[in-house]
Structure formats: structure tokens, C-alpha cells
Amino acid sequence: ILTRDSVTVSVDAVIYSRIVDPVASVTKVNNVSSATQLLAQTSLRNILGTKTLQE
């Protein structure tokens, strides 16, 4: 992940999730686990990209 001050950092994260709508998770998403992981990665990248290394 690249920080706002252009420093590359490696981040380990744990995702805790809960399916709120089981029917939608089966009918609208091909792979719930992959979709959740991708959303978490994108969100983390977007948030950390706004921070400097010191923050």
C-alpha cells in the first residue's frame, strides 16, 4: 500500500463479516468471500492512501 507521502507499507488485516441478507448473497454475488475480501482491500487501500507514514 502506498501512503500519502509515497512510502510503501505492508499491512496484515483480519476481516470479520456477517451476511445480513442470505438470499441476496446467494443470488446476487458469485463468490461472497472473494467479494468481501476485495471490498476490504480496496477500502483499506483508500483509507491508508490518505495517511502519511507517521500518522
N, C-alpha and C. Protein backbone atom coordinates (compact mmCIF):
# COMPACT_ATOMS: atom_id res chain seq x y z
N ILE A 1 0.85 -1.17 0.00
CA ILE A 1 0.00 0.00 0.00
C ILE A 1 0.90 1.23 0.00
N LEU A 2 0.52 2.21 -0.77
CA LEU A 2 1.29 3.44 -0.88
C LEU A 2 0.63 4.53 -0.03
N THR A 3 1.40 5.11 0.89
CA THR A 3 0.87 6.17 1.75
C THR A 3 0.84 7.50 1.00
N ARG A 4 0.25 8.50 1.64
CA ARG A 4 0.16 9.83 1.03
C ARG A 4 1.53 10.43 0.76
N ASP A 5 2.51 10.09 1.60
CA ASP A 5 3.86 10.61 1.40
C ASP A 5 4.73 9.65 0.58
N SER A 6 4.08 8.80 -0.20
CA SER A 6 4.72 7.89 -1.17
C SER A 6 5.64 6.86 -0.54
N VAL A 7 5.28 6.37 0.64
CA VAL A 7 6.01 5.29 1.29
C VAL A 7 5.21 4.01 1.10
N THR A 8 5.88 2.95 0.67
CA THR A 8 5.21 1.67 0.51
C THR A 8 5.21 0.92 1.84
N VAL A 9 4.05 0.48 2.26
CA VAL A 9 3.93 -0.27 3.51
C VAL A 9 3.20 -1.58 3.25
N SER A 10 3.51 -2.56 4.07
CA SER A 10 2.82 -3.85 4.00
C SER A 10 1.89 -3.93 5.21
N VAL A 11 0.67 -4.35 4.98
CA VAL A 11 -0.33 -4.38 6.05
C VAL A 11 -0.96 -5.77 6.10
N ASP A 12 -1.06 -6.30 7.31
CA ASP A 12 -1.82 -7.52 7.54
C ASP A 12 -3.13 -7.10 8.20
N ALA A 13 -4.21 -7.72 7.80
CA ALA A 13 -5.51 -7.34 8.35
C ALA A 13 -6.37 -8.58 8.55
N VAL A 14 -7.31 -8.47 9.45
CA VAL A 14 -8.28 -9.53 9.70
C VAL A 14 -9.65 -8.94 9.41
N ILE A 15 -10.47 -9.70 8.70
CA ILE A 15 -11.81 -9.24 8.34
C ILE A 15 -12.84 -10.06 9.11
N TYR A 16 -13.71 -9.37 9.81
CA TYR A 16 -14.86 -10.01 10.43
C TYR A 16 -16.08 -9.51 9.69
N SER A 17 -16.87 -10.42 9.16
CA SER A 17 -18.05 -10.01 8.40
C SER A 17 -19.25 -10.86 8.79
N ARG A 18 -20.41 -10.34 8.47
CA ARG A 18 -21.65 -11.05 8.74
C ARG A 18 -22.57 -10.83 7.55
N ILE A 19 -23.16 -11.89 7.07
CA ILE A 19 -24.11 -11.79 5.96
C ILE A 19 -25.46 -11.36 6.54
N VAL A 20 -25.94 -10.22 6.07
CA VAL A 20 -27.19 -9.66 6.57
C VAL A 20 -28.37 -10.20 5.76
N ASP A 21 -28.17 -10.37 4.45
CA ASP A 21 -29.23 -10.86 3.57
C ASP A 21 -28.75 -12.12 2.86
N PRO A 22 -29.01 -13.30 3.42
CA PRO A 22 -28.51 -14.54 2.84
C PRO A 22 -29.01 -14.80 1.42
N VAL A 23 -30.24 -14.42 1.13
CA VAL A 23 -30.79 -14.64 -0.21
C VAL A 23 -30.02 -13.81 -1.23
N ALA A 24 -29.80 -12.55 -0.95
CA ALA A 24 -29.05 -11.69 -1.86
C ALA A 24 -27.61 -12.17 -2.01
N SER A 25 -27.02 -12.68 -0.93
CA SER A 25 -25.63 -13.13 -1.01
C SER A 25 -25.50 -14.34 -1.93
N VAL A 26 -26.54 -15.11 -2.07
CA VAL A 26 -26.51 -16.28 -2.95
C VAL A 26 -26.92 -15.92 -4.37
N THR A 27 -27.91 -15.04 -4.52
CA THR A 27 -28.44 -14.75 -5.85
C THR A 27 -27.74 -13.61 -6.58
N LYS A 28 -27.12 -12.69 -5.85
CA LYS A 28 -26.54 -11.51 -6.49
C LYS A 28 -25.01 -11.49 -6.51
N VAL A 29 -24.37 -12.38 -5.76
CA VAL A 29 -22.91 -12.38 -5.68
C VAL A 29 -22.41 -13.78 -6.01
N ASN A 30 -21.46 -13.85 -6.96
CA ASN A 30 -20.92 -15.16 -7.34
C ASN A 30 -20.09 -15.79 -6.24
N ASN A 31 -19.23 -15.00 -5.61
CA ASN A 31 -18.35 -15.52 -4.57
C ASN A 31 -18.30 -14.50 -3.43
N VAL A 32 -19.06 -14.75 -2.39
CA VAL A 32 -19.19 -13.80 -1.29
C VAL A 32 -17.85 -13.57 -0.60
N SER A 33 -17.09 -14.62 -0.40
CA SER A 33 -15.80 -14.49 0.27
C SER A 33 -14.84 -13.60 -0.51
N SER A 34 -14.74 -13.83 -1.81
CA SER A 34 -13.86 -13.02 -2.65
C SER A 34 -14.34 -11.57 -2.73
N ALA A 35 -15.64 -11.38 -2.83
CA ALA A 35 -16.20 -10.03 -2.90
C ALA A 35 -15.93 -9.27 -1.61
N THR A 36 -16.06 -9.94 -0.48
CA THR A 36 -15.80 -9.31 0.81
C THR A 36 -14.33 -8.95 0.94
N GLN A 37 -13.46 -9.87 0.54
CA GLN A 37 -12.02 -9.62 0.61
C GLN A 37 -11.61 -8.46 -0.29
N LEU A 38 -12.14 -8.42 -1.50
CA LEU A 38 -11.81 -7.34 -2.43
C LEU A 38 -12.30 -5.98 -1.90
N LEU A 39 -13.49 -5.95 -1.35
CA LEU A 39 -14.02 -4.71 -0.78
C LEU A 39 -13.16 -4.24 0.39
N ALA A 40 -12.74 -5.16 1.24
CA ALA A 40 -11.89 -4.80 2.38
C ALA A 40 -10.54 -4.27 1.91
N GLN A 41 -9.94 -4.93 0.92
CA GLN A 41 -8.65 -4.48 0.39
C GLN A 41 -8.75 -3.08 -0.20
N THR A 42 -9.79 -2.87 -0.98
CA THR A 42 -9.98 -1.56 -1.62
C THR A 42 -10.21 -0.47 -0.58
N SER A 43 -11.03 -0.76 0.41
CA SER A 43 -11.32 0.21 1.46
C SER A 43 -10.06 0.55 2.26
N LEU A 44 -9.30 -0.47 2.62
CA LEU A 44 -8.07 -0.25 3.37
C LEU A 44 -7.06 0.55 2.56
N ARG A 45 -6.94 0.23 1.29
CA ARG A 45 -6.03 0.96 0.40
C ARG A 45 -6.44 2.43 0.29
N ASN A 46 -7.73 2.68 0.14
CA ASN A 46 -8.22 4.06 0.03
C ASN A 46 -8.00 4.85 1.31
N ILE A 47 -8.24 4.23 2.45
CA ILE A 47 -8.07 4.93 3.73
C ILE A 47 -6.60 5.20 4.01
N LEU A 48 -5.76 4.18 3.86
CA LEU A 48 -4.34 4.35 4.17
C LEU A 48 -3.64 5.25 3.16
N GLY A 49 -4.18 5.35 1.97
CA GLY A 49 -3.60 6.23 0.96
C GLY A 49 -3.74 7.71 1.30
N THR A 50 -4.62 8.02 2.25
CA THR A 50 -4.80 9.41 2.66
C THR A 50 -3.94 9.76 3.88
N LYS A 51 -3.24 8.78 4.43
CA LYS A 51 -2.43 8.98 5.64
C LYS A 51 -0.94 9.00 5.29
N THR A 52 -0.17 9.73 6.09
CA THR A 52 1.29 9.67 5.95
C THR A 52 1.80 8.51 6.80
N LEU A 53 3.04 8.14 6.63
CA LEU A 53 3.61 7.04 7.40
C LEU A 53 3.57 7.35 8.89
N GLN A 54 3.84 8.57 9.26
CA GLN A 54 3.87 8.95 10.67
C GLN A 54 2.48 8.87 11.31
N GLU A 55 1.44 9.14 10.53
CA GLU A 55 0.08 9.08 11.08
C GLU A 55 -0.30 7.65 11.35
